[in-house]
Amino acid sequence: MFERVRDEVIDVVASIDLAVPPREVWAVIKPPETATLLDPNLIRAFRVPGTPKGVGEMQGFIGHRDGREYAQLVEVVEEVAERWVLIRVVGGPDEAARTGYRLTAIPEGTRLEQLLSVTVPASQIKARNQIRQQYRAAAEAFLERVRVLVAPAGPSSGRHT
């Protein structure tokens, strides 16, 4: 008898230590307007008018990917200001997909973690480790862009873990 292969949700975590306080990191990662500095594919980002700030907030993003324009809408589903935010893509094909950002005060400043949950379709289960590595590389690239934006002048102020 054959065992049926099922879709699988995988979690990816990447982190970086930054030599600035959590409020400075939050000021870079939370407002949608700064997203154009963090994602080279974005050309416009904004909070959707009429939505609250915090839980229920919706943010719109317009960008270019693979030579085509795209639009994306995300919703904040959990938030603790300057400590934690969890977002989901509105109407995305992966209903389980979530992106979270956790900020932890450490003696040197802030540890910023990006947490990603995505569904690997059953047809791609054998490639899940490669998919996990691709998401981790993307998360590390994002964290590096955050480091560049918040780093004080001087020697390297970020360390990936």
Protein backbone atom coordinates (compact mmCIF):
# COMPACT_ATOMS: atom_id res chain seq x y z
CA MET A 1 0.00 0.00 0.00
CA PHE A 2 1.28 3.48 -0.88
CA GLU A 3 1.49 6.21 1.71
CA ARG A 4 -0.07 9.43 0.52
CA VAL A 5 2.33 12.38 0.64
CA ARG A 6 0.75 15.52 2.10
CA ASP A 7 1.52 19.20 2.05
CA GLU A 8 3.80 20.21 4.91
CA VAL A 9 4.13 23.52 6.75
CA ILE A 10 7.76 24.40 7.42
CA ASP A 11 9.16 27.07 9.72
CA VAL A 12 12.29 29.07 9.02
CA VAL A 13 14.01 31.34 11.55
CA ALA A 14 16.90 33.71 11.00
CA SER A 15 18.22 36.29 13.42
CA ILE A 16 20.70 39.10 13.74
CA ASP A 17 22.06 41.06 16.69
CA LEU A 18 21.95 44.83 16.18
CA ALA A 19 23.74 47.48 18.23
CA VAL A 20 20.68 49.72 18.58
CA PRO A 21 17.66 49.63 20.91
CA PRO A 22 14.43 47.83 19.89
CA ARG A 23 12.53 51.09 19.25
CA GLU A 24 15.02 52.02 16.50
CA VAL A 25 14.70 48.61 14.85
CA TRP A 26 10.89 48.77 15.12
CA ALA A 27 10.91 52.20 13.46
CA VAL A 28 12.55 50.58 10.42
CA ILE A 29 10.65 47.28 10.14
CA LYS A 30 7.08 48.22 11.11
CA PRO A 31 6.01 51.25 9.03
CA PRO A 32 5.09 50.10 5.53
CA GLU A 33 6.75 53.17 4.00
CA THR A 34 10.20 51.86 4.94
CA ALA A 35 9.59 48.58 3.10
CA THR A 36 10.92 50.10 -0.13
CA LEU A 37 14.29 50.38 1.64
CA LEU A 38 14.14 46.75 2.78
CA ASP A 39 12.95 45.05 -0.42
CA PRO A 40 14.67 46.03 -3.67
CA ASN A 41 11.63 44.81 -5.66
CA LEU A 42 9.21 47.30 -4.06
CA ILE A 43 8.45 50.67 -5.60
CA ARG A 44 5.62 51.75 -3.26
CA ALA A 45 4.38 50.73 0.19
CA PHE A 46 1.63 52.23 2.34
CA ARG A 47 -0.82 51.63 5.18
CA VAL A 48 -4.27 51.08 3.71
CA PRO A 49 -6.45 54.06 4.63
CA GLY A 50 -9.25 53.26 7.05
CA THR A 51 -7.43 50.39 8.72
CA PRO A 52 -6.29 50.68 12.34
CA LYS A 53 -2.65 50.81 13.37
CA GLY A 54 -1.61 47.52 14.96
CA VAL A 55 -3.82 44.42 14.85
CA GLY A 56 -6.07 44.65 11.81
CA GLU A 57 -3.76 47.07 10.02
CA MET A 58 -3.44 46.38 6.33
CA GLN A 59 -0.43 47.37 4.30
CA GLY A 60 -0.20 47.54 0.51
CA PHE A 61 2.89 46.88 -1.56
CA ILE A 62 3.52 47.47 -5.25
CA GLY A 63 6.63 46.14 -6.87
CA HIS A 64 8.30 44.39 -9.77
CA ARG A 65 9.23 40.72 -9.86
CA ASP A 66 10.44 38.76 -12.87
CA GLY A 67 9.82 41.78 -15.09
CA ARG A 68 6.16 42.11 -14.05
CA GLU A 69 4.36 44.52 -11.79
CA TYR A 70 2.56 43.02 -8.79
CA ALA A 71 0.47 44.21 -5.87
CA GLN A 72 0.23 42.55 -2.47
CA LEU A 73 -1.85 43.23 0.61
CA VAL A 74 -0.85 42.04 4.09
CA GLU A 75 -2.68 42.15 7.42
CA VAL A 76 -1.21 42.46 10.92
CA VAL A 77 -2.72 39.57 12.89
CA GLU A 78 -0.72 39.99 16.13
CA GLU A 79 1.31 42.85 17.51
CA VAL A 80 3.10 43.88 20.66
CA ALA A 81 4.67 47.23 19.82
CA GLU A 82 8.48 47.18 19.62
CA ARG A 83 8.53 43.44 20.48
CA TRP A 84 6.51 41.28 18.07
CA VAL A 85 4.44 41.45 14.90
CA LEU A 86 2.88 38.65 12.86
CA ILE A 87 1.50 39.25 9.37
CA ARG A 88 -0.32 37.26 6.72
CA VAL A 89 -0.80 37.85 3.02
CA VAL A 90 -4.43 38.67 2.26
CA GLY A 91 -5.80 36.37 -0.43
CA GLY A 92 -2.50 34.60 -0.96
CA PRO A 93 -2.37 31.04 -2.28
CA ASP A 94 -0.82 29.72 0.97
CA GLU A 95 -3.34 30.22 3.77
CA ALA A 96 -0.83 28.99 6.37
CA ALA A 97 1.89 31.45 5.34
CA ARG A 98 2.92 33.88 8.07
CA THR A 99 5.85 36.22 8.64
CA GLY A 100 6.79 37.25 12.14
CA TYR A 101 9.35 39.65 13.53
CA ARG A 102 10.50 39.28 17.15
CA LEU A 103 12.64 41.95 18.80
CA THR A 104 14.45 41.04 22.01
CA ALA A 105 16.45 43.52 24.03
CA ILE A 106 19.96 42.19 24.64
CA PRO A 107 22.91 43.87 26.40
CA GLU A 108 24.40 44.88 23.03
CA GLY A 109 21.11 46.27 21.64
CA THR A 110 18.47 44.14 19.90
CA ARG A 111 18.17 40.63 18.59
CA LEU A 112 15.86 40.70 15.57
CA GLU A 113 14.39 37.39 14.44
CA GLN A 114 12.43 36.85 11.25
CA LEU A 115 10.16 33.82 11.43
CA LEU A 116 8.57 32.41 8.29
CA SER A 117 5.93 29.69 8.02
CA VAL A 118 5.12 28.40 4.55
CA THR A 119 3.41 25.39 3.06
CA VAL A 120 5.48 23.05 0.91
CA PRO A 121 3.13 21.33 -1.55
CA ALA A 122 3.14 17.53 -1.53
CA SER A 123 4.62 17.58 -5.04
CA GLN A 124 7.70 19.41 -3.69
CA ILE A 125 8.20 17.62 -0.34
CA LYS A 126 11.46 16.02 -1.48
CA ALA A 127 12.85 19.54 -2.04
CA ARG A 128 11.75 20.90 1.36
CA ASN A 129 15.33 21.30 2.62
CA GLN A 130 16.25 23.30 -0.46
CA ILE A 131 13.06 25.37 -0.06
CA ARG A 132 13.91 25.95 3.61
CA GLN A 133 17.43 27.11 2.61
CA GLN A 134 16.00 29.51 0.01
CA TYR A 135 13.66 31.08 2.57
CA ARG A 136 16.46 31.30 5.13
CA ALA A 137 18.74 33.03 2.58
CA ALA A 138 15.96 35.52 1.80
CA ALA A 139 15.42 36.16 5.53
CA GLU A 140 19.14 36.70 6.07
CA ALA A 141 19.26 39.14 3.15
CA PHE A 142 16.34 41.05 4.70
CA LEU A 143 18.06 41.14 8.10
CA GLU A 144 21.24 42.41 6.50
CA ARG A 145 19.31 45.27 4.87
CA VAL A 146 17.85 46.13 8.29
CA ARG A 147 21.37 46.12 9.75
CA VAL A 148 22.58 48.55 7.09
CA LEU A 149 19.70 50.93 7.84
CA VAL A 150 19.99 50.91 11.64
CA ALA A 151 23.73 50.38 12.13
CA PRO A 152 25.65 53.17 13.79
CA ALA A 153 28.74 54.31 11.95
CA GLY A 154 31.78 52.21 12.67
CA PRO A 155 32.71 48.53 12.59
CA SER A 156 30.19 45.79 11.91
CA SER A 157 27.26 45.94 14.30
CA GLY A 158 25.36 42.85 13.22
CA ARG A 159 25.85 39.14 13.68
CA HIS A 160 23.63 36.48 12.10
CA THR A 161 22.74 33.42 14.13
